[in-house]
N, C-alpha and C. Protein backbone atom coordinates (compact mmCIF):
# COMPACT_ATOMS: atom_id res chain seq x y z
N MET A 1 12.74 144.00 141.60
CA MET A 1 11.96 143.14 140.75
C MET A 1 12.28 141.68 141.09
N GLU A 2 11.24 140.91 141.33
CA GLU A 2 11.40 139.52 141.73
C GLU A 2 11.38 138.62 140.49
N MET A 3 12.36 137.73 140.39
CA MET A 3 12.43 136.80 139.27
C MET A 3 11.77 135.49 139.68
N LEU A 4 11.05 134.90 138.78
CA LEU A 4 10.40 133.62 139.04
C LEU A 4 11.23 132.52 138.40
N PHE A 5 11.79 131.67 139.22
CA PHE A 5 12.57 130.54 138.73
C PHE A 5 11.80 129.27 138.99
N VAL A 6 11.63 128.48 137.95
CA VAL A 6 10.93 127.21 138.07
C VAL A 6 11.95 126.11 137.91
N THR A 7 11.99 125.19 138.86
CA THR A 7 12.93 124.09 138.78
C THR A 7 12.33 122.96 137.96
N ARG A 8 13.20 122.10 137.48
CA ARG A 8 12.75 120.95 136.69
C ARG A 8 11.79 120.12 137.52
N ASN A 9 10.74 119.62 136.88
CA ASN A 9 9.79 118.79 137.61
C ASN A 9 9.44 117.51 136.86
N ILE A 10 10.22 117.18 135.83
CA ILE A 10 10.02 115.94 135.10
C ILE A 10 11.20 115.02 135.40
N GLY A 11 10.91 113.88 135.99
CA GLY A 11 11.94 112.91 136.34
C GLY A 11 12.34 112.05 135.15
N VAL A 12 13.26 111.13 135.39
CA VAL A 12 13.81 110.29 134.32
C VAL A 12 12.73 109.38 133.73
N ILE A 13 12.02 108.65 134.57
CA ILE A 13 11.00 107.73 134.06
C ILE A 13 9.88 108.49 133.36
N ASP A 14 9.48 109.60 133.94
CA ASP A 14 8.46 110.45 133.32
C ASP A 14 8.94 110.96 131.96
N GLY A 15 10.19 111.37 131.87
CA GLY A 15 10.75 111.87 130.62
C GLY A 15 10.84 110.80 129.56
N ILE A 16 11.25 109.59 129.95
CA ILE A 16 11.34 108.48 129.00
C ILE A 16 9.95 108.11 128.48
N THR A 17 8.97 108.05 129.38
CA THR A 17 7.60 107.74 128.97
C THR A 17 7.08 108.79 127.99
N ARG A 18 7.32 110.05 128.31
CA ARG A 18 6.89 111.14 127.42
C ARG A 18 7.61 111.06 126.07
N ALA A 19 8.89 110.69 126.07
CA ALA A 19 9.65 110.59 124.82
C ALA A 19 9.11 109.48 123.92
N VAL A 20 8.74 108.35 124.50
CA VAL A 20 8.19 107.25 123.71
C VAL A 20 6.85 107.65 123.10
N ILE A 21 6.00 108.26 123.90
CA ILE A 21 4.70 108.71 123.39
C ILE A 21 4.88 109.79 122.34
N THR A 22 5.81 110.71 122.57
CA THR A 22 6.07 111.78 121.61
C THR A 22 6.62 111.22 120.30
N ALA A 23 7.46 110.20 120.36
CA ALA A 23 7.98 109.58 119.14
C ALA A 23 6.83 109.00 118.30
N GLY A 24 5.87 108.37 118.96
CA GLY A 24 4.70 107.86 118.25
C GLY A 24 3.87 108.97 117.64
N LEU A 25 3.69 110.06 118.37
CA LEU A 25 2.95 111.20 117.85
C LEU A 25 3.66 111.86 116.68
N ILE A 26 4.98 111.97 116.76
CA ILE A 26 5.75 112.53 115.66
C ILE A 26 5.60 111.66 114.42
N TYR A 27 5.65 110.35 114.60
CA TYR A 27 5.46 109.43 113.47
C TYR A 27 4.08 109.62 112.85
N MET A 28 3.06 109.70 113.69
CA MET A 28 1.70 109.86 113.17
C MET A 28 1.48 111.24 112.54
N GLY A 29 2.07 112.26 113.12
CA GLY A 29 1.82 113.61 112.65
C GLY A 29 2.64 114.05 111.46
N PHE A 30 3.87 113.53 111.35
CA PHE A 30 4.76 114.00 110.30
C PHE A 30 5.10 112.96 109.24
N ILE A 31 5.13 111.68 109.60
CA ILE A 31 5.67 110.67 108.69
C ILE A 31 4.59 109.81 108.03
N SER A 32 3.76 109.17 108.82
CA SER A 32 2.83 108.18 108.31
C SER A 32 1.54 108.81 107.78
N ASN A 33 1.10 108.33 106.63
CA ASN A 33 -0.20 108.71 106.10
C ASN A 33 -1.21 107.58 106.26
N SER A 34 -0.75 106.41 106.65
CA SER A 34 -1.65 105.26 106.76
C SER A 34 -2.44 105.25 108.06
N ILE A 35 -1.92 105.84 109.12
CA ILE A 35 -2.61 105.84 110.41
C ILE A 35 -3.65 106.94 110.46
N VAL A 36 -3.24 108.16 110.13
CA VAL A 36 -4.14 109.31 110.11
C VAL A 36 -4.00 109.96 108.73
N SER A 37 -5.09 110.01 107.99
CA SER A 37 -5.01 110.57 106.64
C SER A 37 -5.59 111.98 106.53
N ASP A 38 -6.36 112.39 107.51
CA ASP A 38 -6.96 113.73 107.50
C ASP A 38 -5.89 114.77 107.83
N SER A 39 -5.75 115.78 106.98
CA SER A 39 -4.67 116.76 107.17
C SER A 39 -4.87 117.61 108.42
N PHE A 40 -6.11 117.94 108.78
CA PHE A 40 -6.35 118.73 109.99
C PHE A 40 -5.94 117.94 111.23
N SER A 41 -6.30 116.66 111.27
CA SER A 41 -5.93 115.81 112.40
C SER A 41 -4.42 115.65 112.49
N LYS A 42 -3.75 115.51 111.34
CA LYS A 42 -2.29 115.40 111.34
C LYS A 42 -1.66 116.68 111.87
N ASP A 43 -2.23 117.83 111.53
CA ASP A 43 -1.71 119.11 112.03
C ASP A 43 -1.86 119.21 113.55
N ILE A 44 -2.99 118.78 114.07
CA ILE A 44 -3.21 118.81 115.53
C ILE A 44 -2.24 117.87 116.23
N ILE A 45 -2.07 116.66 115.69
CA ILE A 45 -1.13 115.70 116.27
C ILE A 45 0.29 116.24 116.20
N ALA A 46 0.66 116.87 115.10
CA ALA A 46 1.99 117.45 114.97
C ALA A 46 2.21 118.56 115.99
N LEU A 47 1.21 119.41 116.21
CA LEU A 47 1.31 120.48 117.20
C LEU A 47 1.49 119.91 118.61
N ILE A 48 0.72 118.89 118.93
CA ILE A 48 0.84 118.25 120.25
C ILE A 48 2.22 117.62 120.41
N SER A 49 2.73 116.98 119.35
CA SER A 49 4.03 116.33 119.46
C SER A 49 5.16 117.33 119.62
N VAL A 50 5.10 118.46 118.91
CA VAL A 50 6.15 119.48 119.05
C VAL A 50 6.10 120.10 120.45
N THR A 51 4.90 120.36 120.95
CA THR A 51 4.75 120.89 122.31
C THR A 51 5.31 119.92 123.34
N SER A 52 4.98 118.65 123.17
CA SER A 52 5.49 117.63 124.09
C SER A 52 7.00 117.52 124.02
N LEU A 53 7.56 117.62 122.83
CA LEU A 53 9.02 117.56 122.68
C LEU A 53 9.69 118.74 123.38
N LEU A 54 9.12 119.92 123.27
CA LEU A 54 9.67 121.09 123.96
C LEU A 54 9.60 120.92 125.48
N ILE A 55 8.51 120.34 125.97
CA ILE A 55 8.38 120.10 127.41
C ILE A 55 9.46 119.13 127.88
N ILE A 56 9.73 118.09 127.09
CA ILE A 56 10.77 117.13 127.46
C ILE A 56 12.14 117.79 127.48
N ILE A 57 12.43 118.60 126.47
CA ILE A 57 13.74 119.26 126.39
C ILE A 57 13.95 120.23 127.54
N ILE A 58 12.94 121.02 127.84
CA ILE A 58 13.04 122.00 128.92
C ILE A 58 13.03 121.33 130.29
N GLY A 59 12.24 120.26 130.42
CA GLY A 59 12.17 119.53 131.69
C GLY A 59 11.19 120.11 132.68
N ILE A 60 10.34 121.01 132.20
CA ILE A 60 9.36 121.64 133.08
C ILE A 60 7.98 121.47 132.47
N TYR A 61 7.09 120.81 133.20
CA TYR A 61 5.71 120.65 132.75
C TYR A 61 4.87 121.66 133.51
N PRO A 62 4.28 122.63 132.81
CA PRO A 62 3.59 123.73 133.49
C PRO A 62 2.46 123.28 134.43
N LEU A 63 1.71 122.26 134.06
CA LEU A 63 0.63 121.81 134.95
C LEU A 63 1.18 121.19 136.24
N TYR A 64 2.33 120.52 136.16
CA TYR A 64 2.98 120.02 137.37
C TYR A 64 3.36 121.20 138.26
N SER A 65 3.88 122.27 137.65
CA SER A 65 4.28 123.45 138.44
C SER A 65 3.10 124.07 139.15
N LEU A 66 1.98 124.19 138.45
CA LEU A 66 0.77 124.76 139.07
C LEU A 66 0.25 123.89 140.22
N ALA A 67 0.35 122.57 140.05
CA ALA A 67 -0.16 121.66 141.07
C ALA A 67 0.87 121.35 142.16
N GLY A 68 2.10 121.80 141.99
CA GLY A 68 3.14 121.53 142.99
C GLY A 68 3.66 120.10 142.93
N ILE A 69 3.59 119.47 141.76
CA ILE A 69 4.01 118.07 141.60
C ILE A 69 5.40 118.06 140.97
N SER A 70 6.22 117.10 141.38
CA SER A 70 7.52 116.88 140.77
C SER A 70 7.77 115.38 140.74
N THR A 71 8.19 114.86 139.58
CA THR A 71 8.53 113.45 139.47
C THR A 71 10.03 113.24 139.52
N CYS A 72 10.79 114.30 139.80
CA CYS A 72 12.23 114.20 139.95
C CYS A 72 12.57 113.50 141.27
N ALA A 73 13.69 112.82 141.27
CA ALA A 73 14.15 112.16 142.48
C ALA A 73 14.53 113.22 143.52
N LYS A 74 14.19 112.96 144.75
CA LYS A 74 14.53 113.88 145.84
C LYS A 74 16.01 113.75 146.17
N LYS A 75 16.69 114.89 146.30
CA LYS A 75 18.10 114.89 146.67
C LYS A 75 18.23 115.16 148.15
N ASP A 76 19.05 114.34 148.83
CA ASP A 76 19.31 114.56 150.26
C ASP A 76 20.32 115.68 150.40
N LYS A 77 20.08 116.54 151.40
CA LYS A 77 20.99 117.68 151.62
C LYS A 77 22.07 117.32 152.56
């Protein structure tokens, strides 16, 4: 049985950018009622923010994996 191992493909700058955007989404989805007041929209924003947070923690963005993209720094062997 062959195991599929996916290496990290989110680099430092990419991760920091995603974290800043995710922090804004978390604020809009969970904390603030003045920016978005519709409960359905807040639920969608909250779902997107939680998904983005999991992607940052894991360090693997599935669409990057499918496209063969990596923003990680290349290591010399």
